[in-house]
Amino acid sequence: MPPLPPDLPPPALEVFYSPTCTPCRLELPALSLLARDGTRIRIVLLDQEERARAELRAVSPMLEAAAVGPPAAAPRDVLRAAGNANGILPFARAVAADEMACATWSGGLTVERARTMLAACARIVSAPRRARP
């Protein structure tokens, strides 16, 4: 996966998307609200890029602008590499500066769930480091 662009500092919400995934399409209004509120979002298009971009654009040009991909690997392999052991959609994760996932979610993503995931990154970043014994 491409690194977060410099103008998209972490934490960011990374959502994996395919236009063949009905639950993924149902998440688009929530993603649009998050984008309008300034949430940093990257939407990884897994297949059918032209159709996916058209669907994102129909909801919000901001969503299309947040889209990247599709990656060269098979969608299932991309999902597994991102931390989704089952390799199925819908799937999202909150990522920190080092591209490490702070939180993951399989299932319908809501605004509240996305904010909870991003807050997990903030807690990890702000937590004091303990000295190793």
Protein backbone atom coordinates (compact mmCIF):
# COMPACT_ATOMS: atom_id res chain seq x y z
CA MET A 1 0.00 0.00 0.00
CA PRO A 2 1.30 3.48 -0.72
CA PRO A 3 2.40 5.44 2.32
CA LEU A 4 0.18 8.23 3.59
CA PRO A 5 0.86 11.33 1.50
CA PRO A 6 2.60 14.17 3.36
CA ASP A 7 -0.57 16.25 3.31
CA LEU A 8 -2.43 13.42 5.05
CA PRO A 9 -0.70 13.21 8.44
CA PRO A 10 -1.69 10.38 10.73
CA PRO A 11 -3.78 9.11 12.18
CA ALA A 12 -5.86 8.34 9.14
CA LEU A 13 -8.82 6.14 8.45
CA GLU A 14 -8.08 3.61 5.74
CA VAL A 15 -11.14 2.00 4.17
CA PHE A 16 -10.99 -0.85 1.69
CA TYR A 17 -13.60 -0.58 -1.05
CA SER A 18 -15.10 -2.53 -3.91
CA PRO A 19 -18.22 -1.52 -5.81
CA THR A 20 -19.35 -5.16 -5.69
CA CYS A 21 -19.57 -4.94 -1.89
CA THR A 22 -23.04 -3.71 -0.92
CA PRO A 23 -22.13 -3.06 2.74
CA CYS A 24 -19.16 -1.00 1.51
CA ARG A 25 -21.47 1.21 -0.56
CA LEU A 26 -23.70 1.67 2.49
CA GLU A 27 -20.72 3.14 4.38
CA LEU A 28 -20.20 5.96 1.87
CA PRO A 29 -22.55 8.51 3.50
CA ALA A 30 -20.73 8.07 6.83
CA LEU A 31 -17.36 8.45 5.09
CA SER A 32 -18.62 11.60 3.41
CA LEU A 33 -19.59 13.09 6.79
CA LEU A 34 -16.19 12.20 8.21
CA ALA A 35 -14.38 13.75 5.25
CA ARG A 36 -16.40 16.97 5.59
CA ASP A 37 -15.47 17.08 9.29
CA GLY A 38 -11.77 16.95 8.39
CA THR A 39 -11.07 13.30 9.13
CA ARG A 40 -8.09 12.08 7.15
CA ILE A 41 -9.29 9.26 4.91
CA ARG A 42 -7.65 6.96 2.38
CA ILE A 43 -9.95 4.69 0.39
CA VAL A 44 -8.15 1.69 -1.10
CA LEU A 45 -9.94 0.63 -4.27
CA LEU A 46 -9.62 -3.13 -4.61
CA ASP A 47 -11.08 -3.55 -8.11
CA GLN A 48 -13.18 -1.94 -10.84
CA GLU A 49 -11.46 1.41 -10.42
CA GLU A 50 -13.60 3.37 -12.90
CA ARG A 51 -16.88 2.16 -11.38
CA ALA A 52 -15.58 2.65 -7.83
CA ARG A 53 -14.46 6.22 -8.53
CA ALA A 54 -17.83 7.04 -10.11
CA GLU A 55 -19.65 5.72 -7.02
CA LEU A 56 -17.40 7.70 -4.69
CA ARG A 57 -17.78 10.86 -6.79
CA ALA A 58 -21.58 10.50 -6.79
CA VAL A 59 -21.56 10.66 -2.98
CA SER A 60 -18.81 13.27 -2.59
CA PRO A 61 -15.87 14.48 -4.71
CA MET A 62 -13.88 14.40 -1.46
CA LEU A 63 -14.25 10.63 -1.36
CA GLU A 64 -13.00 10.21 -4.90
CA ALA A 65 -10.03 12.45 -4.07
CA ALA A 66 -9.22 10.14 -1.13
CA ALA A 67 -9.15 7.03 -3.34
CA VAL A 68 -5.98 5.13 -4.25
CA GLY A 69 -5.44 1.92 -6.16
CA PRO A 70 -6.22 -0.62 -7.07
CA PRO A 71 -3.11 -2.44 -5.88
CA ALA A 72 -1.41 -5.00 -8.09
CA ALA A 73 -2.12 -7.85 -5.65
CA ALA A 74 -5.38 -9.77 -5.46
CA PRO A 75 -8.00 -8.06 -3.24
CA ARG A 76 -8.01 -10.92 -0.73
CA ASP A 77 -4.21 -10.72 -0.42
CA VAL A 78 -4.34 -6.93 0.06
CA LEU A 79 -6.91 -7.32 2.83
CA ARG A 80 -4.88 -10.02 4.57
CA ALA A 81 -1.72 -7.92 4.37
CA ALA A 82 -3.67 -5.05 5.97
CA GLY A 83 -4.60 -7.21 8.95
CA ASN A 84 -7.88 -8.77 7.83
CA ALA A 85 -7.25 -12.49 8.37
CA ASN A 86 -10.48 -13.45 6.60
CA GLY A 87 -9.72 -11.34 3.54
CA ILE A 88 -13.32 -10.17 3.15
CA LEU A 89 -15.10 -6.82 3.03
CA PRO A 90 -16.12 -4.53 4.55
CA PHE A 91 -12.88 -3.69 6.33
CA ALA A 92 -11.30 -0.51 7.69
CA ARG A 93 -8.38 0.38 9.89
CA ALA A 94 -6.94 3.42 11.61
CA VAL A 95 -3.26 3.88 10.83
CA ALA A 96 -0.56 5.83 12.64
CA ALA A 97 2.55 7.58 11.32
CA ASP A 98 4.47 4.37 10.82
CA GLU A 99 1.56 2.84 8.87
CA MET A 100 0.89 0.59 11.85
CA ALA A 101 -2.76 -0.24 12.39
CA CYS A 102 -4.00 1.12 15.70
CA ALA A 103 -7.46 -0.39 15.28
CA THR A 104 -9.29 -2.49 12.71
CA TRP A 105 -12.95 -3.08 11.99
CA SER A 106 -14.81 -5.63 9.91
CA GLY A 107 -18.43 -4.85 9.28
CA GLY A 108 -20.49 -1.76 8.65
CA LEU A 109 -18.50 1.35 9.51
CA THR A 110 -20.30 4.21 11.23
CA VAL A 111 -19.10 7.70 12.07
CA GLU A 112 -18.94 6.78 15.74
CA ARG A 113 -16.95 3.59 15.08
CA ALA A 114 -14.48 5.46 12.84
CA ARG A 115 -13.91 8.11 15.50
CA THR A 116 -13.34 5.40 18.12
CA MET A 117 -10.77 3.76 15.86
CA LEU A 118 -8.93 7.04 15.30
CA ALA A 119 -8.99 7.76 19.03
CA ALA A 120 -7.16 4.46 19.54
CA CYS A 121 -4.28 5.87 17.50
CA ALA A 122 -4.25 9.03 19.57
CA ARG A 123 -4.10 6.98 22.79
CA ILE A 124 -1.19 4.91 21.46
CA VAL A 125 0.75 7.97 20.31
CA SER A 126 0.19 9.89 23.55
CA ALA A 127 0.79 6.95 25.91
CA PRO A 128 4.07 7.25 27.78
CA ARG A 129 6.62 4.64 26.85
CA ARG A 130 7.63 2.31 29.62
CA ALA A 131 11.22 1.42 30.22
CA ARG A 132 12.04 -2.15 29.41
CA PRO A 133 13.27 -4.26 32.31
